[in-house]
Amino acid sequence: MKRKIFFLTIISFIFIFSISLLIYAQDAQIEGENLNVRSGPGTDYDVISKVNPPEQYPVLEESGEWSKIDLGDYQGWIHKDYFSVIENTETENDDKVTTSESEDEDENSNNVERDDNNNAPLTRAAEDNKSMDNILAGKKIVLDPGHGGRDVGAIGTSGGFESNYTLKTAQVLLELLEEHGADVYLTRKNNQYVPLTSRTTHANLLQADVYLSIHYNSTPELTEVRGIDTYYLSERDKQLAEYVHGGIINETEMNDRGIEQRDLHVLRVNHRPSLLLELGFISNESEERNIQSRAYLEAMSRGIVTGLEQFFR
C-alpha cells in the first residue's frame, strides 16, 4: 500500500511539473491595441501597464479567462480574448536575436546574454555601493534602447543596425549605473519590438527618477556630419539635459551639437524627467567605428553618470 501511494505521489508530481513546463513553453502574442495589463486576474484589479500587437510575452500561469504574463521587470494579467497562444520551442537561455551575417549582431547576441545576468538581483559590489553615500544609490533609472525587432532604425556605413547599437550601449551604461547603486530598468533586453507608448508607460508606472531614450543619428546624404545631440521637452528637464550632455562631451571629446527642446513622443507623454540622446552618427564611418568600441561606450557611459550625479546633487 505504501509503495502504491509512493508511486502515485511521484506520478502526480511529474504531471504537475509537466503542466508547469507546458505553461512556460507558451508565449502570448498580443492582438488588442493598448491592451490593459492588470495586477490581478479581473477587471477589478488596477491597470499596471499596456501592451500592443505584435508584442509577445511568456505565459506564466492561468486563472479562468485570464493569463499572467512576464513583462521583464514585473508581471501582470491580460484577458484571453485579446491574445493568441504561440508555442515557444526555444530554451530558457535562448536570446531570441535573429541570425544575421553582420558581426555587429553576433556581438549584440552575446551582450544580450550578459544583460540577462545584469538584470538579476544586484551583485555584491553593487549592493556595497548602494550602502555608501552615493548620490545615485536607489535612484530608478529607465534606459530605453531605441528601435528593436522589425524596427531596425538607421543603418550604418558598415551595415550595422541602430537597434543593435542602442541595446549594446544601454547594456554598458546599465553596468556602470548599477556599480553606482542605481536601480536600472531596460524597456527591452533583446532584439524585441516595443511600441513607443509601452516605453513611456514603463517609466511612468515605475515613477522613474530619470528616463533616457538612447539613439544614434544618420544622414547618409551628408556622411561628414558627426557629433552628439541631446533633446528635452519640458523646461524642468533643461538642466538635466545640460548636465548629461556636458558629461558626454567632456568624456568622449565628441563634436558638440548642443541641446535642443523638441516635441518627441517619448518626451511628450512622459511624466518623468526625460531626455532623448542622439549619441553619434552611424552614417559617419569613423564615428560608427567609435560606437562599435567598448572603450568608447564606457567613456560615454561615464559622461552620462557624471551628468546624472550633478543633476541629483
C-alpha atoms as a PDB file:
ATOM      1  CA  MET A   1       0.000   0.000   0.000  1.00  0.00           C
ATOM      2  CA  LYS A   2       2.787   2.416   0.947  1.00  0.00           C
ATOM      3  CA  ARG A   3       4.591   1.580  -2.294  1.00  0.00           C
ATOM      4  CA  LYS A   4       1.418   2.324  -4.272  1.00  0.00           C
ATOM      5  CA  ILE A   5       0.990   5.695  -2.534  1.00  0.00           C
ATOM      6  CA  PHE A   6       4.646   6.472  -3.185  1.00  0.00           C
ATOM      7  CA  PHE A   7       4.334   5.772  -6.919  1.00  0.00           C
ATOM      8  CA  LEU A   8       1.096   7.780  -7.150  1.00  0.00           C
ATOM      9  CA  THR A   9       2.815  10.691  -5.439  1.00  0.00           C
ATOM     10  CA  ILE A  10       5.747  10.540  -7.883  1.00  0.00           C
ATOM     11  CA  ILE A  11       3.411  10.352 -10.898  1.00  0.00           C
ATOM     12  CA  SER A  12       1.354  13.298  -9.603  1.00  0.00           C
ATOM     13  CA  PHE A  13       4.487  15.350  -9.070  1.00  0.00           C
ATOM     14  CA  ILE A  14       5.709  14.603 -12.592  1.00  0.00           C
ATOM     15  CA  PHE A  15       2.298  15.506 -14.017  1.00  0.00           C
ATOM     16  CA  ILE A  16       2.196  18.854 -12.199  1.00  0.00           C
ATOM     17  CA  PHE A  17       5.777  19.601 -13.205  1.00  0.00           C
ATOM     18  CA  SER A  18       4.934  18.801 -16.836  1.00  0.00           C
ATOM     19  CA  ILE A  19       1.996  21.219 -16.786  1.00  0.00           C
ATOM     20  CA  SER A  20       4.285  23.912 -15.406  1.00  0.00           C
ATOM     21  CA  LEU A  21       6.754  23.316 -18.214  1.00  0.00           C
ATOM     22  CA  LEU A  22       3.941  23.492 -20.756  1.00  0.00           C
ATOM     23  CA  ILE A  23       2.789  26.847 -19.465  1.00  0.00           C
ATOM     24  CA  TYR A  24       6.285  28.284 -19.568  1.00  0.00           C
ATOM     25  CA  ALA A  25       6.676  26.961 -23.123  1.00  0.00           C
ATOM     26  CA  GLN A  26       3.902  29.275 -24.361  1.00  0.00           C
ATOM     27  CA  ASP A  27       4.019  32.897 -25.446  1.00  0.00           C
ATOM     28  CA  ALA A  28       1.076  35.290 -25.621  1.00  0.00           C
ATOM     29  CA  GLN A  29       1.043  37.228 -28.901  1.00  0.00           C
ATOM     30  CA  ILE A  30      -0.881  40.430 -28.239  1.00  0.00           C
ATOM     31  CA  GLU A  31      -3.762  41.209 -30.609  1.00  0.00           C
ATOM     32  CA  GLY A  32      -5.554  44.080 -28.854  1.00  0.00           C
ATOM     33  CA  GLU A  33      -4.320  47.671 -29.178  1.00  0.00           C
ATOM     34  CA  ASN A  34      -3.399  49.311 -25.858  1.00  0.00           C
ATOM     35  CA  LEU A  35      -4.417  46.154 -24.017  1.00  0.00           C
ATOM     36  CA  ASN A  36      -4.623  46.690 -20.259  1.00  0.00           C
ATOM     37  CA  VAL A  37      -2.269  44.655 -18.100  1.00  0.00           C
ATOM     38  CA  ARG A  38      -3.750  44.324 -14.620  1.00  0.00           C
ATOM     39  CA  SER A  39      -2.313  43.475 -11.214  1.00  0.00           C
ATOM     40  CA  GLY A  40      -4.675  40.503 -10.872  1.00  0.00           C
ATOM     41  CA  PRO A  41      -6.993  38.245 -12.903  1.00  0.00           C
ATOM     42  CA  GLY A  42     -10.021  40.524 -13.279  1.00  0.00           C
ATOM     43  CA  THR A  43     -11.237  43.993 -14.231  1.00  0.00           C
ATOM     44  CA  ASP A  44     -11.443  44.953 -10.559  1.00  0.00           C
ATOM     45  CA  TYR A  45      -7.641  44.979 -10.370  1.00  0.00           C
ATOM     46  CA  ASP A  46      -5.524  48.047 -11.155  1.00  0.00           C
ATOM     47  CA  VAL A  47      -4.081  48.637 -14.623  1.00  0.00           C
ATOM     48  CA  ILE A  48      -0.296  48.472 -14.255  1.00  0.00           C
ATOM     49  CA  SER A  49       0.772  48.678 -17.914  1.00  0.00           C
ATOM     50  CA  LYS A  50      -0.407  48.441 -21.516  1.00  0.00           C
ATOM     51  CA  VAL A  51       0.780  46.160 -24.334  1.00  0.00           C
ATOM     52  CA  ASN A  52       0.284  46.263 -28.078  1.00  0.00           C
ATOM     53  CA  PRO A  53       0.489  43.949 -31.111  1.00  0.00           C
ATOM     54  CA  PRO A  54       2.677  42.282 -32.293  1.00  0.00           C
ATOM     55  CA  GLU A  55       4.426  42.016 -28.923  1.00  0.00           C
ATOM     56  CA  GLN A  56       4.928  38.574 -27.355  1.00  0.00           C
ATOM     57  CA  TYR A  57       5.308  37.723 -23.678  1.00  0.00           C
ATOM     58  CA  PRO A  58       5.857  34.409 -21.833  1.00  0.00           C
ATOM     59  CA  VAL A  59       2.716  32.997 -20.188  1.00  0.00           C
ATOM     60  CA  LEU A  60       3.364  32.176 -16.519  1.00  0.00           C
ATOM     61  CA  GLU A  61       0.009  30.906 -15.274  1.00  0.00           C
ATOM     62  CA  GLU A  62      -3.725  30.969 -15.945  1.00  0.00           C
ATOM     63  CA  SER A  63      -6.809  31.755 -13.890  1.00  0.00           C
ATOM     64  CA  GLY A  64     -10.194  31.401 -15.589  1.00  0.00           C
ATOM     65  CA  GLU A  65     -10.310  33.770 -18.571  1.00  0.00           C
ATOM     66  CA  TRP A  66      -7.072  35.498 -17.558  1.00  0.00           C
ATOM     67  CA  SER A  67      -3.392  34.720 -18.099  1.00  0.00           C
ATOM     68  CA  LYS A  68      -0.387  36.025 -16.222  1.00  0.00           C
ATOM     69  CA  ILE A  69       2.462  37.250 -18.452  1.00  0.00           C
ATOM     70  CA  ASP A  70       6.086  38.153 -17.800  1.00  0.00           C
ATOM     71  CA  LEU A  71       6.944  41.722 -18.857  1.00  0.00           C
ATOM     72  CA  GLY A  72      10.554  41.517 -17.708  1.00  0.00           C
ATOM     73  CA  ASP A  73      10.831  43.636 -14.557  1.00  0.00           C
ATOM     74  CA  TYR A  74       7.293  42.847 -13.420  1.00  0.00           C
ATOM     75  CA  GLN A  75       4.318  40.566 -14.171  1.00  0.00           C
ATOM     76  CA  GLY A  76       0.642  41.201 -14.903  1.00  0.00           C
ATOM     77  CA  TRP A  77      -2.639  39.708 -16.112  1.00  0.00           C
ATOM     78  CA  ILE A  78      -4.350  40.021 -19.516  1.00  0.00           C
ATOM     79  CA  HIS A  79      -7.671  38.669 -20.784  1.00  0.00           C
ATOM     80  CA  LYS A  80      -7.579  35.660 -23.114  1.00  0.00           C
ATOM     81  CA  ASP A  81      -9.818  37.333 -25.682  1.00  0.00           C
ATOM     82  CA  TYR A  82      -7.050  39.698 -26.703  1.00  0.00           C
ATOM     83  CA  PHE A  83      -4.090  37.435 -27.408  1.00  0.00           C
ATOM     84  CA  SER A  84      -3.253  34.190 -29.166  1.00  0.00           C
ATOM     85  CA  VAL A  85      -1.046  31.452 -27.735  1.00  0.00           C
ATOM     86  CA  ILE A  86       2.178  30.595 -29.563  1.00  0.00           C
ATOM     87  CA  GLU A  87       4.194  27.523 -28.651  1.00  0.00           C
ATOM     88  CA  ASN A  88       7.723  28.579 -27.737  1.00  0.00           C
ATOM     89  CA  THR A  89      10.285  25.920 -28.646  1.00  0.00           C
ATOM     90  CA  GLU A  90      13.284  27.977 -27.542  1.00  0.00           C
ATOM     91  CA  THR A  91      15.225  27.057 -24.431  1.00  0.00           C
ATOM     92  CA  GLU A  92      15.178  29.377 -21.449  1.00  0.00           C
ATOM     93  CA  ASN A  93      18.638  30.738 -22.246  1.00  0.00           C
ATOM     94  CA  ASP A  94      17.957  31.482 -25.931  1.00  0.00           C
ATOM     95  CA  ASP A  95      18.336  35.218 -26.568  1.00  0.00           C
ATOM     96  CA  LYS A  96      15.774  35.400 -29.443  1.00  0.00           C
ATOM     97  CA  VAL A  97      18.044  37.645 -31.534  1.00  0.00           C
ATOM     98  CA  THR A  98      17.579  36.783 -35.202  1.00  0.00           C
ATOM     99  CA  THR A  99      20.604  35.400 -37.043  1.00  0.00           C
ATOM    100  CA  SER A 100      22.393  37.839 -39.318  1.00  0.00           C
ATOM    101  CA  GLU A 101      25.527  37.937 -41.399  1.00  0.00           C
ATOM    102  CA  SER A 102      26.509  41.115 -39.573  1.00  0.00           C
ATOM    103  CA  GLU A 103      29.237  40.705 -36.976  1.00  0.00           C
ATOM    104  CA  ASP A 104      27.623  43.535 -35.032  1.00  0.00           C
ATOM    105  CA  GLU A 105      24.500  41.438 -34.486  1.00  0.00           C
ATOM    106  CA  ASP A 106      26.621  38.497 -33.305  1.00  0.00           C
ATOM    107  CA  GLU A 107      28.266  40.763 -30.762  1.00  0.00           C
ATOM    108  CA  ASN A 108      24.865  42.039 -29.738  1.00  0.00           C
ATOM    109  CA  SER A 109      23.633  38.472 -29.174  1.00  0.00           C
ATOM    110  CA  ASN A 110      26.435  37.849 -26.688  1.00  0.00           C
ATOM    111  CA  ASN A 111      25.681  41.112 -24.942  1.00  0.00           C
ATOM    112  CA  VAL A 112      22.017  40.189 -24.571  1.00  0.00           C
ATOM    113  CA  GLU A 113      23.017  37.127 -22.573  1.00  0.00           C
ATOM    114  CA  ARG A 114      25.178  39.291 -20.373  1.00  0.00           C
ATOM    115  CA  ASP A 115      22.319  41.747 -19.941  1.00  0.00           C
ATOM    116  CA  ASP A 116      20.017  38.988 -18.675  1.00  0.00           C
ATOM    117  CA  ASN A 117      22.570  38.321 -15.939  1.00  0.00           C
ATOM    118  CA  ASN A 118      22.955  42.001 -15.135  1.00  0.00           C
ATOM    119  CA  ASN A 119      19.219  42.333 -14.573  1.00  0.00           C
ATOM    120  CA  ALA A 120      19.315  39.684 -11.855  1.00  0.00           C
ATOM    121  CA  PRO A 121      19.467  40.934  -8.238  1.00  0.00           C
ATOM    122  CA  LEU A 122      22.316  43.364  -7.643  1.00  0.00           C
ATOM    123  CA  THR A 123      25.796  41.938  -7.323  1.00  0.00           C
ATOM    124  CA  ARG A 124      27.682  42.175  -4.021  1.00  0.00           C
ATOM    125  CA  ALA A 125      29.717  45.098  -5.399  1.00  0.00           C
ATOM    126  CA  ALA A 126      26.566  46.969  -6.401  1.00  0.00           C
ATOM    127  CA  GLU A 127      24.969  46.279  -3.009  1.00  0.00           C
ATOM    128  CA  ASP A 128      28.075  47.623  -1.288  1.00  0.00           C
ATOM    129  CA  ASN A 129      27.910  50.777  -3.400  1.00  0.00           C
ATOM    130  CA  LYS A 130      24.223  51.262  -2.545  1.00  0.00           C
ATOM    131  CA  SER A 131      25.087  51.316   1.120  1.00  0.00           C
ATOM    132  CA  MET A 132      27.649  54.052   0.562  1.00  0.00           C
ATOM    133  CA  ASP A 133      26.863  57.759   0.458  1.00  0.00           C
ATOM    134  CA  ASN A 134      26.381  57.726  -3.314  1.00  0.00           C
ATOM    135  CA  ILE A 135      24.077  60.237  -4.966  1.00  0.00           C
ATOM    136  CA  LEU A 136      22.775  57.619  -7.428  1.00  0.00           C
ATOM    137  CA  ALA A 137      22.093  54.934  -4.829  1.00  0.00           C
ATOM    138  CA  GLY A 138      18.480  53.818  -5.066  1.00  0.00           C
ATOM    139  CA  LYS A 139      17.634  56.103  -7.984  1.00  0.00           C
ATOM    140  CA  LYS A 140      15.309  54.498 -10.531  1.00  0.00           C
ATOM    141  CA  ILE A 141      16.805  54.937 -13.999  1.00  0.00           C
ATOM    142  CA  VAL A 142      14.899  53.688 -17.063  1.00  0.00           C
ATOM    143  CA  LEU A 143      17.090  53.117 -20.119  1.00  0.00           C
ATOM    144  CA  ASP A 144      15.204  52.890 -23.392  1.00  0.00           C
ATOM    145  CA  PRO A 145      17.320  51.400 -26.231  1.00  0.00           C
ATOM    146  CA  GLY A 146      15.672  52.845 -29.329  1.00  0.00           C
ATOM    147  CA  HIS A 147      14.075  50.682 -32.035  1.00  0.00           C
ATOM    148  CA  GLY A 148      14.313  46.860 -31.950  1.00  0.00           C
ATOM    149  CA  GLY A 149      12.835  43.823 -33.682  1.00  0.00           C
ATOM    150  CA  ARG A 150      11.235  44.705 -37.017  1.00  0.00           C
ATOM    151  CA  ASP A 151      12.219  48.344 -36.438  1.00  0.00           C
ATOM    152  CA  VAL A 152      15.996  48.347 -37.016  1.00  0.00           C
ATOM    153  CA  GLY A 153      16.309  52.136 -37.032  1.00  0.00           C
ATOM    154  CA  ALA A 154      19.081  53.727 -39.070  1.00  0.00           C
ATOM    155  CA  ILE A 155      21.655  51.595 -40.902  1.00  0.00           C
ATOM    156  CA  GLY A 156      25.329  52.447 -40.539  1.00  0.00           C
ATOM    157  CA  THR A 157      28.051  52.614 -43.173  1.00  0.00           C
ATOM    158  CA  SER A 158      29.117  49.073 -42.209  1.00  0.00           C
ATOM    159  CA  GLY A 159      25.556  47.748 -42.470  1.00  0.00           C
ATOM    160  CA  GLY A 160      25.108  47.669 -38.678  1.00  0.00           C
ATOM    161  CA  PHE A 161      21.658  48.398 -37.260  1.00  0.00           C
ATOM    162  CA  GLU A 162      20.945  51.300 -34.918  1.00  0.00           C
ATOM    163  CA  SER A 163      18.730  48.958 -32.862  1.00  0.00           C
ATOM    164  CA  ASN A 164      21.774  46.783 -32.072  1.00  0.00           C
ATOM    165  CA  TYR A 165      23.980  49.743 -31.194  1.00  0.00           C
ATOM    166  CA  THR A 166      21.398  51.242 -28.842  1.00  0.00           C
ATOM    167  CA  LEU A 167      20.943  47.955 -26.981  1.00  0.00           C
ATOM    168  CA  LYS A 168      24.685  47.421 -26.599  1.00  0.00           C
ATOM    169  CA  THR A 169      25.065  50.991 -25.331  1.00  0.00           C
ATOM    170  CA  ALA A 170      22.266  50.518 -22.798  1.00  0.00           C
ATOM    171  CA  GLN A 171      23.900  47.341 -21.510  1.00  0.00           C
ATOM    172  CA  VAL A 172      27.245  49.069 -20.914  1.00  0.00           C
ATOM    173  CA  LEU A 173      25.528  52.041 -19.264  1.00  0.00           C
ATOM    174  CA  LEU A 174      23.441  49.703 -17.099  1.00  0.00           C
ATOM    175  CA  GLU A 175      26.591  48.053 -15.728  1.00  0.00           C
ATOM    176  CA  LEU A 176      28.114  51.375 -14.691  1.00  0.00           C
ATOM    177  CA  LEU A 177      24.907  52.745 -13.179  1.00  0.00           C
ATOM    178  CA  GLU A 178      24.423  49.599 -11.101  1.00  0.00           C
ATOM    179  CA  GLU A 179      28.018  49.885  -9.877  1.00  0.00           C
ATOM    180  CA  HIS A 180      26.983  53.306  -8.556  1.00  0.00           C
ATOM    181  CA  GLY A 181      23.998  51.782  -6.762  1.00  0.00           C
ATOM    182  CA  ALA A 182      21.215  52.859  -9.127  1.00  0.00           C
ATOM    183  CA  ASP A 183      18.182  50.649  -9.774  1.00  0.00           C
ATOM    184  CA  VAL A 184      18.215  50.295 -13.559  1.00  0.00           C
ATOM    185  CA  TYR A 185      15.409  49.099 -15.831  1.00  0.00           C
ATOM    186  CA  LEU A 186      15.547  48.403 -19.571  1.00  0.00           C
ATOM    187  CA  THR A 187      12.488  48.847 -21.788  1.00  0.00           C
ATOM    188  CA  ARG A 188      13.833  45.941 -23.871  1.00  0.00           C
ATOM    189  CA  LYS A 189      16.512  43.361 -23.125  1.00  0.00           C
ATOM    190  CA  ASN A 190      16.836  41.782 -26.549  1.00  0.00           C
ATOM    191  CA  ASN A 191      16.028  42.332 -30.215  1.00  0.00           C
ATOM    192  CA  GLN A 192      12.345  42.917 -29.478  1.00  0.00           C
ATOM    193  CA  TYR A 193       9.924  45.442 -30.970  1.00  0.00           C
ATOM    194  CA  VAL A 194       8.446  47.665 -28.255  1.00  0.00           C
ATOM    195  CA  PRO A 195       5.863  50.378 -29.139  1.00  0.00           C
ATOM    196  CA  LEU A 196       6.618  53.940 -28.059  1.00  0.00           C
ATOM    197  CA  THR A 197       3.614  54.004 -25.724  1.00  0.00           C
ATOM    198  CA  SER A 198       4.848  50.943 -23.836  1.00  0.00           C
ATOM    199  CA  ARG A 199       8.297  52.508 -23.384  1.00  0.00           C
ATOM    200  CA  THR A 200       6.944  55.619 -21.683  1.00  0.00           C
ATOM    201  CA  THR A 201       4.298  53.708 -19.715  1.00  0.00           C
ATOM    202  CA  HIS A 202       7.150  51.674 -18.237  1.00  0.00           C
ATOM    203  CA  ALA A 203       8.824  54.818 -16.885  1.00  0.00           C
ATOM    204  CA  ASN A 204       5.596  56.415 -15.672  1.00  0.00           C
ATOM    205  CA  LEU A 205       4.408  53.349 -13.756  1.00  0.00           C
ATOM    206  CA  LEU A 206       7.802  52.887 -12.128  1.00  0.00           C
ATOM    207  CA  GLN A 207       7.855  56.587 -11.238  1.00  0.00           C
ATOM    208  CA  ALA A 208      11.398  56.655 -12.570  1.00  0.00           C
ATOM    209  CA  ASP A 209      13.755  59.356 -11.373  1.00  0.00           C
ATOM    210  CA  VAL A 210      15.118  59.659 -14.922  1.00  0.00           C
ATOM    211  CA  TYR A 211      14.208  58.206 -18.324  1.00  0.00           C
ATOM    212  CA  LEU A 212      16.873  58.149 -21.064  1.00  0.00           C
ATOM    213  CA  SER A 213      15.954  57.230 -24.629  1.00  0.00           C
ATOM    214  CA  ILE A 214      19.114  56.060 -26.444  1.00  0.00           C
ATOM    215  CA  HIS A 215      19.517  56.602 -30.182  1.00  0.00           C
ATOM    216  CA  TYR A 216      22.084  57.075 -32.924  1.00  0.00           C
ATOM    217  CA  ASN A 217      21.793  59.557 -35.758  1.00  0.00           C
ATOM    218  CA  SER A 218      22.220  59.151 -39.507  1.00  0.00           C
ATOM    219  CA  THR A 219      22.449  61.457 -42.538  1.00  0.00           C
ATOM    220  CA  PRO A 220      23.519  59.153 -45.408  1.00  0.00           C
ATOM    221  CA  GLU A 221      23.493  62.098 -47.826  1.00  0.00           C
ATOM    222  CA  LEU A 222      25.953  64.012 -45.595  1.00  0.00           C
ATOM    223  CA  THR A 223      28.454  61.431 -44.365  1.00  0.00           C
ATOM    224  CA  GLU A 224      30.782  64.062 -42.879  1.00  0.00           C
ATOM    225  CA  VAL A 225      28.221  65.078 -40.214  1.00  0.00           C
ATOM    226  CA  ARG A 226      29.123  63.882 -36.728  1.00  0.00           C
ATOM    227  CA  GLY A 227      28.552  64.655 -33.067  1.00  0.00           C
ATOM    228  CA  ILE A 228      26.207  64.396 -30.087  1.00  0.00           C
ATOM    229  CA  ASP A 229      22.675  65.851 -29.803  1.00  0.00           C
ATOM    230  CA  THR A 230      20.548  65.906 -26.650  1.00  0.00           C
ATOM    231  CA  TYR A 231      16.809  66.616 -26.735  1.00  0.00           C
ATOM    232  CA  TYR A 232      14.435  67.607 -23.943  1.00  0.00           C
ATOM    233  CA  LEU A 233      10.848  68.891 -23.956  1.00  0.00           C
ATOM    234  CA  SER A 234       9.794  70.168 -20.549  1.00  0.00           C
ATOM    235  CA  GLU A 235      11.606  73.194 -19.127  1.00  0.00           C
ATOM    236  CA  ARG A 236      12.017  71.188 -15.913  1.00  0.00           C
ATOM    237  CA  ASP A 237      14.383  68.886 -17.843  1.00  0.00           C
ATOM    238  CA  LYS A 238      16.614  71.563 -19.381  1.00  0.00           C
ATOM    239  CA  GLN A 239      19.155  71.386 -16.567  1.00  0.00           C
ATOM    240  CA  LEU A 240      19.182  67.582 -16.772  1.00  0.00           C
ATOM    241  CA  ALA A 241      19.936  67.900 -20.484  1.00  0.00           C
ATOM    242  CA  GLU A 242      22.769  70.347 -19.846  1.00  0.00           C
ATOM    243  CA  TYR A 243      24.417  68.152 -17.223  1.00  0.00           C
ATOM    244  CA  VAL A 244      24.148  64.873 -19.149  1.00  0.00           C
ATOM    245  CA  HIS A 245      25.135  66.401 -22.483  1.00  0.00           C
ATOM    246  CA  GLY A 246      28.107  68.184 -20.927  1.00  0.00           C
ATOM    247  CA  GLY A 247      29.255  64.996 -19.216  1.00  0.00           C
ATOM    248  CA  ILE A 248      29.205  63.052 -22.502  1.00  0.00           C
ATOM    249  CA  ILE A 249      31.117  65.736 -24.382  1.00  0.00           C
ATOM    250  CA  ASN A 250      33.761  66.016 -21.638  1.00  0.00           C
ATOM    251  CA  GLU A 251      34.378  62.264 -21.517  1.00  0.00           C
ATOM    252  CA  THR A 252      34.277  61.491 -25.254  1.00  0.00           C
ATOM    253  CA  GLU A 253      35.528  64.793 -26.759  1.00  0.00           C
ATOM    254  CA  MET A 254      32.916  64.268 -29.486  1.00  0.00           C
ATOM    255  CA  ASN A 255      31.628  67.115 -31.641  1.00  0.00           C
ATOM    256  CA  ASP A 256      29.162  69.138 -29.555  1.00  0.00           C
ATOM    257  CA  ARG A 257      25.896  69.680 -31.451  1.00  0.00           C
ATOM    258  CA  GLY A 258      24.225  71.072 -28.349  1.00  0.00           C
ATOM    259  CA  ILE A 259      20.922  70.558 -26.576  1.00  0.00           C
ATOM    260  CA  GLU A 260      17.542  71.350 -28.105  1.00  0.00           C
ATOM    261  CA  GLN A 261      13.926  71.495 -26.989  1.00  0.00           C
ATOM    262  CA  ARG A 262      11.945  69.177 -29.253  1.00  0.00           C
ATOM    263  CA  ASP A 263       8.432  67.710 -29.204  1.00  0.00           C
ATOM    264  CA  LEU A 264       9.147  63.968 -29.427  1.00  0.00           C
ATOM    265  CA  HIS A 265       6.596  61.295 -28.473  1.00  0.00           C
ATOM    266  CA  VAL A 266       8.673  59.601 -25.766  1.00  0.00           C
ATOM    267  CA  LEU A 267       9.242  63.002 -24.147  1.00  0.00           C
ATOM    268  CA  ARG A 268       5.731  64.409 -24.680  1.00  0.00           C
ATOM    269  CA  VAL A 269       3.825  61.563 -22.971  1.00  0.00           C
ATOM    270  CA  ASN A 270       6.476  61.009 -20.311  1.00  0.00           C
ATOM    271  CA  HIS A 271       5.660  62.371 -16.856  1.00  0.00           C
ATOM    272  CA  ARG A 272       9.155  61.703 -15.554  1.00  0.00           C
ATOM    273  CA  PRO A 273      12.402  63.670 -16.080  1.00  0.00           C
ATOM    274  CA  SER A 274      13.342  62.524 -19.568  1.00  0.00           C
ATOM    275  CA  LEU A 275      15.839  63.008 -22.380  1.00  0.00           C
ATOM    276  CA  LEU A 276      16.407  61.601 -25.836  1.00  0.00           C
ATOM    277  CA  LEU A 277      20.109  61.171 -26.591  1.00  0.00           C
ATOM    278  CA  GLU A 278      21.486  61.010 -30.149  1.00  0.00           C
ATOM    279  CA  LEU A 279      24.916  59.607 -29.347  1.00  0.00           C
ATOM    280  CA  GLY A 280      26.639  59.909 -32.707  1.00  0.00           C
ATOM    281  CA  PHE A 281      26.216  59.447 -36.446  1.00  0.00           C
ATOM    282  CA  ILE A 282      26.464  55.897 -37.755  1.00  0.00           C
ATOM    283  CA  SER A 283      26.391  57.373 -41.252  1.00  0.00           C
ATOM    284  CA  ASN A 284      29.889  58.706 -40.490  1.00  0.00           C
ATOM    285  CA  GLU A 285      32.427  55.900 -40.966  1.00  0.00           C
ATOM    286  CA  SER A 286      34.899  56.955 -38.255  1.00  0.00           C
ATOM    287  CA  GLU A 287      32.135  57.736 -35.769  1.00  0.00           C
ATOM    288  CA  GLU A 288      30.496  54.360 -36.341  1.00  0.00           C
ATOM    289  CA  ARG A 289      33.853  52.676 -35.640  1.00  0.00           C
ATOM    290  CA  ASN A 290      33.965  54.547 -32.321  1.00  0.00           C
ATOM    291  CA  ILE A 291      30.452  53.392 -31.471  1.00  0.00           C
ATOM    292  CA  GLN A 292      31.485  49.783 -32.112  1.00  0.00           C
ATOM    293  CA  SER A 293      34.248  50.156 -29.500  1.00  0.00           C
ATOM    294  CA  ARG A 294      33.634  49.053 -25.908  1.00  0.00           C
ATOM    295  CA  ALA A 295      36.105  51.705 -24.701  1.00  0.00           C
ATOM    296  CA  TYR A 296      34.079  54.462 -26.344  1.00  0.00           C
ATOM    297  CA  LEU A 297      30.795  53.181 -24.894  1.00  0.00           C
ATOM    298  CA  GLU A 298      32.371  53.101 -21.447  1.00  0.00           C
ATOM    299  CA  ALA A 299      33.583  56.702 -21.833  1.00  0.00           C
ATOM    300  CA  MET A 300      30.130  57.784 -22.975  1.00  0.00           C
ATOM    301  CA  SER A 301      28.560  55.964 -20.030  1.00  0.00           C
ATOM    302  CA  ARG A 302      30.935  57.683 -17.594  1.00  0.00           C
ATOM    303  CA  GLY A 303      29.835  61.013 -19.023  1.00  0.00           C
ATOM    304  CA  ILE A 304      26.161  60.180 -18.558  1.00  0.00           C
ATOM    305  CA  VAL A 305      26.754  59.002 -14.983  1.00  0.00           C
ATOM    306  CA  THR A 306      28.662  62.214 -14.196  1.00  0.00           C
ATOM    307  CA  GLY A 307      25.818  64.273 -15.599  1.00  0.00           C
ATOM    308  CA  LEU A 308      23.229  62.373 -13.555  1.00  0.00           C
ATOM    309  CA  GLU A 309      25.289  62.822 -10.391  1.00  0.00           C
ATOM    310  CA  GLN A 310      25.381  66.586 -10.994  1.00  0.00           C
ATOM    311  CA  PHE A 311      21.626  66.661 -11.596  1.00  0.00           C
ATOM    312  CA  PHE A 312      20.769  64.805  -8.371  1.00  0.00           C
ATOM    313  CA  ARG A 313      23.234  66.725  -6.215  1.00  0.00           C
END
